[in-house]
């Protein structure tokens, strides 16, 4: 009977070692999976950051181009208005000079 008890005890010890090995293996595998998941998450986050930076730069450039276009249009309109005013002033200069001469020198 004692031999049976020792044999049973040895089997329990061996099963405990086997289970402990399986637990250790599962923990190791779990750690590996978590590390891989973290690495993948870091890669996804980095890719998202790069994409966001690229989109922000594209939007900044588009905004700068739109602002430059608007500025150019405003400057062009101002130049056109100035030229129009200058042309009208030139056209009226002779008449103004004649009017001044009539009033100053009767």
N, C-alpha and C. Protein backbone atom coordinates (compact mmCIF):
# COMPACT_ATOMS: atom_id res chain seq x y z
N UNK A 1 0.81 -1.17 0.00
CA UNK A 1 0.00 0.00 0.00
C UNK A 1 0.86 1.26 0.00
N UNK A 2 1.95 1.18 0.77
CA UNK A 2 2.86 2.32 0.82
C UNK A 2 3.47 2.57 -0.55
N UNK A 3 3.74 1.51 -1.29
CA UNK A 3 4.31 1.65 -2.62
C UNK A 3 3.32 2.34 -3.53
N UNK A 4 2.04 2.00 -3.37
CA UNK A 4 1.01 2.64 -4.18
C UNK A 4 0.93 4.14 -3.85
N UNK A 5 1.04 4.48 -2.60
CA UNK A 5 1.00 5.88 -2.17
C UNK A 5 2.19 6.65 -2.72
N UNK A 6 3.37 6.02 -2.68
CA UNK A 6 4.56 6.68 -3.23
C UNK A 6 4.42 6.87 -4.74
N UNK A 7 3.89 5.85 -5.39
CA UNK A 7 3.70 5.91 -6.84
C UNK A 7 2.69 7.01 -7.19
N UNK A 8 1.61 7.09 -6.44
CA UNK A 8 0.60 8.12 -6.65
C UNK A 8 1.20 9.50 -6.39
N UNK A 9 1.99 9.62 -5.36
CA UNK A 9 2.63 10.88 -5.04
C UNK A 9 3.59 11.31 -6.15
N UNK A 10 4.34 10.34 -6.68
CA UNK A 10 5.26 10.64 -7.77
C UNK A 10 4.50 11.11 -9.01
N UNK A 11 3.37 10.47 -9.30
CA UNK A 11 2.57 10.89 -10.46
C UNK A 11 2.01 12.29 -10.26
N UNK A 12 1.58 12.59 -9.05
CA UNK A 12 1.08 13.94 -8.76
C UNK A 12 2.19 14.98 -8.90
N UNK A 13 3.37 14.64 -8.39
CA UNK A 13 4.52 15.56 -8.52
C UNK A 13 4.84 15.77 -10.00
N UNK A 14 4.84 14.69 -10.77
CA UNK A 14 5.15 14.79 -12.20
C UNK A 14 4.08 15.61 -12.93
N UNK A 15 2.81 15.41 -12.58
CA UNK A 15 1.74 16.19 -13.19
C UNK A 15 1.87 17.66 -12.82
N UNK A 16 2.25 17.92 -11.56
CA UNK A 16 2.45 19.31 -11.12
C UNK A 16 3.58 19.95 -11.92
N UNK A 17 4.68 19.22 -12.14
CA UNK A 17 5.80 19.75 -12.95
C UNK A 17 5.34 20.00 -14.38
N UNK A 18 4.58 19.06 -14.92
CA UNK A 18 4.07 19.21 -16.29
C UNK A 18 3.18 20.44 -16.38
N UNK A 19 2.27 20.59 -15.42
CA UNK A 19 1.38 21.76 -15.42
C UNK A 19 2.17 23.05 -15.21
N UNK A 20 3.15 23.02 -14.33
CA UNK A 20 3.98 24.20 -14.11
C UNK A 20 4.72 24.58 -15.39
N UNK A 21 5.19 23.56 -16.13
CA UNK A 21 5.85 23.83 -17.41
C UNK A 21 4.89 24.43 -18.42
N UNK A 22 3.67 23.89 -18.44
CA UNK A 22 2.66 24.42 -19.36
C UNK A 22 2.28 25.86 -19.00
N UNK A 23 2.16 26.13 -17.70
CA UNK A 23 1.84 27.49 -17.25
C UNK A 23 2.97 28.44 -17.64
N UNK A 24 4.20 28.01 -17.41
CA UNK A 24 5.36 28.84 -17.76
C UNK A 24 5.39 29.08 -19.27
N UNK A 25 5.12 28.05 -20.03
CA UNK A 25 5.09 28.17 -21.49
C UNK A 25 3.97 29.12 -21.93
N UNK A 26 2.79 28.99 -21.30
CA UNK A 26 1.67 29.87 -21.64
C UNK A 26 1.99 31.32 -21.28
N UNK A 27 2.64 31.53 -20.12
CA UNK A 27 3.02 32.89 -19.72
C UNK A 27 4.03 33.47 -20.71
N UNK A 28 4.95 32.66 -21.11
CA UNK A 28 5.96 33.10 -22.08
C UNK A 28 5.29 33.47 -23.41
N UNK A 29 4.37 32.62 -23.85
CA UNK A 29 3.64 32.88 -25.10
C UNK A 29 2.79 34.14 -24.96
N UNK A 30 2.15 34.31 -23.81
CA UNK A 30 1.33 35.50 -23.58
C UNK A 30 2.20 36.76 -23.61
N UNK A 31 3.36 36.70 -22.99
CA UNK A 31 4.29 37.84 -23.00
C UNK A 31 4.71 38.16 -24.42
N UNK A 32 4.99 37.14 -25.19
CA UNK A 32 5.40 37.33 -26.59
C UNK A 32 4.27 37.97 -27.40
N UNK A 33 3.04 37.49 -27.19
CA UNK A 33 1.89 38.05 -27.91
C UNK A 33 1.67 39.51 -27.52
N UNK A 34 1.78 39.81 -26.23
CA UNK A 34 1.61 41.19 -25.77
C UNK A 34 2.69 42.09 -26.36
N UNK A 35 3.93 41.62 -26.37
CA UNK A 35 5.03 42.40 -26.94
C UNK A 35 4.81 42.66 -28.43
N UNK A 36 4.36 41.63 -29.14
CA UNK A 36 4.07 41.79 -30.57
C UNK A 36 2.93 42.78 -30.79
N UNK A 37 1.90 42.68 -29.94
CA UNK A 37 0.76 43.60 -30.05
C UNK A 37 1.20 45.04 -29.77
N UNK A 38 2.06 45.21 -28.76
CA UNK A 38 2.57 46.57 -28.46
C UNK A 38 3.39 47.11 -29.62
N UNK A 39 4.22 46.26 -30.20
CA UNK A 39 5.04 46.69 -31.33
C UNK A 39 4.15 47.08 -32.51
N UNK A 40 3.14 46.28 -32.76
CA UNK A 40 2.21 46.59 -33.86
C UNK A 40 1.44 47.87 -33.57
N UNK A 41 1.01 48.05 -32.33
CA UNK A 41 0.30 49.29 -31.95
C UNK A 41 1.21 50.50 -32.11
N UNK A 42 2.47 50.36 -31.71
CA UNK A 42 3.43 51.46 -31.88
C UNK A 42 3.62 51.79 -33.35
N UNK A 43 3.70 50.75 -34.18
CA UNK A 43 3.86 50.97 -35.63
C UNK A 43 2.64 51.66 -36.20
N UNK A 44 1.46 51.21 -35.81
CA UNK A 44 0.22 51.84 -36.29
C UNK A 44 0.16 53.29 -35.84
N UNK A 45 0.50 53.54 -34.58
CA UNK A 45 0.49 54.92 -34.07
C UNK A 45 1.49 55.79 -34.82
N UNK A 46 2.68 55.26 -35.09
CA UNK A 46 3.70 56.02 -35.82
C UNK A 46 3.23 56.31 -37.25
N UNK A 47 2.64 55.29 -37.89
CA UNK A 47 2.11 55.49 -39.24
C UNK A 47 1.01 56.54 -39.24
N UNK A 48 0.15 56.49 -38.22
CA UNK A 48 -0.93 57.48 -38.11
C UNK A 48 -0.36 58.88 -37.89
N UNK A 49 0.69 58.98 -37.06
CA UNK A 49 1.34 60.29 -36.83
C UNK A 49 1.93 60.83 -38.13
N UNK A 50 2.61 59.95 -38.86
CA UNK A 50 3.21 60.39 -40.12
C UNK A 50 2.14 60.83 -41.11
N UNK A 51 1.04 60.07 -41.17
CA UNK A 51 -0.05 60.43 -42.08
C UNK A 51 -0.67 61.76 -41.67
N UNK A 52 -0.88 61.93 -40.37
CA UNK A 52 -1.45 63.19 -39.87
C UNK A 52 -0.51 64.36 -40.17
N UNK A 53 0.79 64.15 -39.99
CA UNK A 53 1.77 65.20 -40.30
C UNK A 53 1.74 65.54 -41.79
N UNK A 54 1.65 64.49 -42.62
CA UNK A 54 1.61 64.71 -44.07
C UNK A 54 0.35 65.48 -44.47
N UNK A 55 -0.79 65.09 -43.90
CA UNK A 55 -2.04 65.77 -44.21
C UNK A 55 -1.99 67.21 -43.72
N UNK A 56 -1.46 67.41 -42.52
CA UNK A 56 -1.35 68.78 -41.98
C UNK A 56 -0.47 69.64 -42.88
N UNK A 57 0.64 69.08 -43.35
CA UNK A 57 1.54 69.83 -44.25
C UNK A 57 0.83 70.14 -45.57
N UNK A 58 0.10 69.18 -46.10
CA UNK A 58 -0.64 69.41 -47.35
C UNK A 58 -1.68 70.51 -47.15
N UNK A 59 -2.38 70.45 -46.02
CA UNK A 59 -3.38 71.47 -45.73
C UNK A 59 -2.73 72.84 -45.52
N UNK A 60 -1.57 72.86 -44.85
CA UNK A 60 -0.86 74.12 -44.65
C UNK A 60 -0.45 74.72 -45.99
N UNK A 61 0.09 73.84 -46.87
CA UNK A 61 0.49 74.31 -48.20
C UNK A 61 -0.71 74.83 -48.99
N UNK A 62 -1.81 74.08 -48.93
CA UNK A 62 -3.02 74.49 -49.65
C UNK A 62 -3.52 75.83 -49.12
N UNK A 63 -3.48 76.00 -47.80
CA UNK A 63 -3.89 77.27 -47.21
C UNK A 63 -2.98 78.41 -47.62
N UNK A 64 -1.68 78.14 -47.64
CA UNK A 64 -0.71 79.16 -48.05
C UNK A 64 -0.91 79.53 -49.52
N UNK A 65 -1.17 78.52 -50.34
CA UNK A 65 -1.40 78.79 -51.77
C UNK A 65 -2.68 79.60 -51.96
N UNK A 66 -3.74 79.24 -51.21
CA UNK A 66 -5.00 79.98 -51.31
C UNK A 66 -4.80 81.42 -50.85
N UNK A 67 -4.04 81.60 -49.76
CA UNK A 67 -3.77 82.96 -49.26
C UNK A 67 -2.97 83.76 -50.28
N UNK A 68 -1.99 83.12 -50.89
CA UNK A 68 -1.17 83.81 -51.91
C UNK A 68 -2.02 84.16 -53.12
N UNK A 69 -2.89 83.27 -53.53
CA UNK A 69 -3.78 83.55 -54.66
C UNK A 69 -4.68 84.73 -54.32
N UNK A 70 -5.26 84.71 -53.13
CA UNK A 70 -6.13 85.81 -52.70
C UNK A 70 -5.35 87.12 -52.64
N UNK A 71 -4.13 87.07 -52.08
CA UNK A 71 -3.29 88.27 -52.00
C UNK A 71 -3.00 88.80 -53.39
N UNK A 72 -2.65 87.91 -54.31
CA UNK A 72 -2.34 88.31 -55.68
C UNK A 72 -3.55 88.96 -56.35
N UNK A 73 -4.72 88.37 -56.12
CA UNK A 73 -5.93 88.95 -56.71
C UNK A 73 -6.22 90.33 -56.13
N UNK A 74 -6.04 90.49 -54.84
CA UNK A 74 -6.27 91.80 -54.20
C UNK A 74 -5.28 92.83 -54.74
N UNK A 75 -4.01 92.44 -54.85
CA UNK A 75 -2.99 93.36 -55.38
C UNK A 75 -3.31 93.71 -56.83
N UNK A 76 -3.72 92.72 -57.61
CA UNK A 76 -4.05 92.98 -59.02
C UNK A 76 -5.24 93.94 -59.13
N UNK A 77 -6.27 93.74 -58.29
CA UNK A 77 -7.42 94.66 -58.30
C UNK A 77 -7.00 96.06 -57.88
N UNK A 78 -6.14 96.14 -56.86
CA UNK A 78 -5.67 97.45 -56.40
C UNK A 78 -4.87 98.15 -57.50
N UNK A 79 -4.01 97.41 -58.18
CA UNK A 79 -3.24 98.01 -59.29
C UNK A 79 -4.17 98.46 -60.40
N UNK A 80 -5.16 97.64 -60.70
CA UNK A 80 -6.11 98.00 -61.75
C UNK A 80 -6.88 99.27 -61.37
N UNK A 81 -7.31 99.34 -60.11
CA UNK A 81 -8.02 100.53 -59.64
C UNK A 81 -7.11 101.75 -59.70
N UNK A 82 -5.85 101.56 -59.28
CA UNK A 82 -4.90 102.69 -59.31
C UNK A 82 -4.66 103.15 -60.74
N UNK A 83 -4.51 102.22 -61.65
CA UNK A 83 -4.30 102.59 -63.06
C UNK A 83 -5.53 103.30 -63.62
N UNK A 84 -6.71 102.83 -63.22
CA UNK A 84 -7.94 103.47 -63.69
C UNK A 84 -8.02 104.91 -63.17
N UNK A 85 -7.71 105.07 -61.88
CA UNK A 85 -7.72 106.42 -61.29
C UNK A 85 -6.68 107.30 -61.95
N UNK A 86 -5.50 106.73 -62.19
CA UNK A 86 -4.43 107.50 -62.84
C UNK A 86 -4.85 107.91 -64.25
N UNK A 87 -5.47 107.00 -64.98
CA UNK A 87 -5.93 107.32 -66.35
C UNK A 87 -6.97 108.43 -66.33
N UNK A 88 -7.91 108.35 -65.39
CA UNK A 88 -8.93 109.40 -65.30
C UNK A 88 -8.29 110.73 -64.91
N UNK A 89 -7.32 110.69 -64.00
CA UNK A 89 -6.64 111.92 -63.60
C UNK A 89 -5.88 112.52 -64.77
N UNK A 90 -5.21 111.68 -65.54
CA UNK A 90 -4.47 112.17 -66.71
C UNK A 90 -5.42 112.78 -67.73
N UNK A 91 -6.57 112.11 -67.90
CA UNK A 91 -7.55 112.62 -68.87
C UNK A 91 -8.11 113.97 -68.43
N UNK A 92 -8.20 114.19 -67.16
CA UNK A 92 -8.78 115.45 -66.66
C UNK A 92 -7.72 116.51 -66.39
N UNK A 93 -6.46 116.16 -66.48
CA UNK A 93 -5.41 117.12 -66.17
C UNK A 93 -5.44 118.32 -67.12
N UNK A 94 -5.57 118.05 -68.37
CA UNK A 94 -5.58 119.15 -69.34
C UNK A 94 -6.77 120.07 -69.08
N UNK A 95 -7.92 119.49 -68.82
CA UNK A 95 -9.11 120.30 -68.55
C UNK A 95 -8.92 121.09 -67.26
N UNK A 96 -8.30 120.49 -66.24
CA UNK A 96 -8.07 121.17 -64.97
C UNK A 96 -7.09 122.32 -65.18
N UNK A 97 -6.04 122.08 -65.94
CA UNK A 97 -5.06 123.14 -66.20
C UNK A 97 -5.73 124.30 -66.96
N UNK A 98 -6.55 123.99 -67.90
CA UNK A 98 -7.24 125.02 -68.68
C UNK A 98 -8.18 125.83 -67.76
N UNK A 99 -8.90 125.14 -66.86
CA UNK A 99 -9.81 125.80 -65.94
C UNK A 99 -9.04 126.73 -64.99
N UNK A 100 -7.89 126.24 -64.50
CA UNK A 100 -7.06 127.07 -63.61
C UNK A 100 -6.58 128.31 -64.37
N UNK A 101 -6.15 128.12 -65.58
CA UNK A 101 -5.66 129.26 -66.37
C UNK A 101 -6.77 130.28 -66.61
N UNK A 102 -7.99 129.80 -66.84
CA UNK A 102 -9.11 130.70 -67.08
C UNK A 102 -9.42 131.51 -65.82
N UNK A 103 -9.30 130.85 -64.65
CA UNK A 103 -9.67 131.55 -63.43
C UNK A 103 -8.53 132.45 -62.92
N UNK A 104 -7.31 132.02 -63.11
CA UNK A 104 -6.18 132.80 -62.63
C UNK A 104 -5.85 133.93 -63.61
N UNK A 105 -5.90 133.63 -64.88
CA UNK A 105 -5.58 134.62 -65.90
C UNK A 105 -6.82 134.91 -66.75
N UNK A 106 -7.63 135.83 -66.35
CA UNK A 106 -8.87 136.09 -67.12
C UNK A 106 -8.64 136.72 -68.46
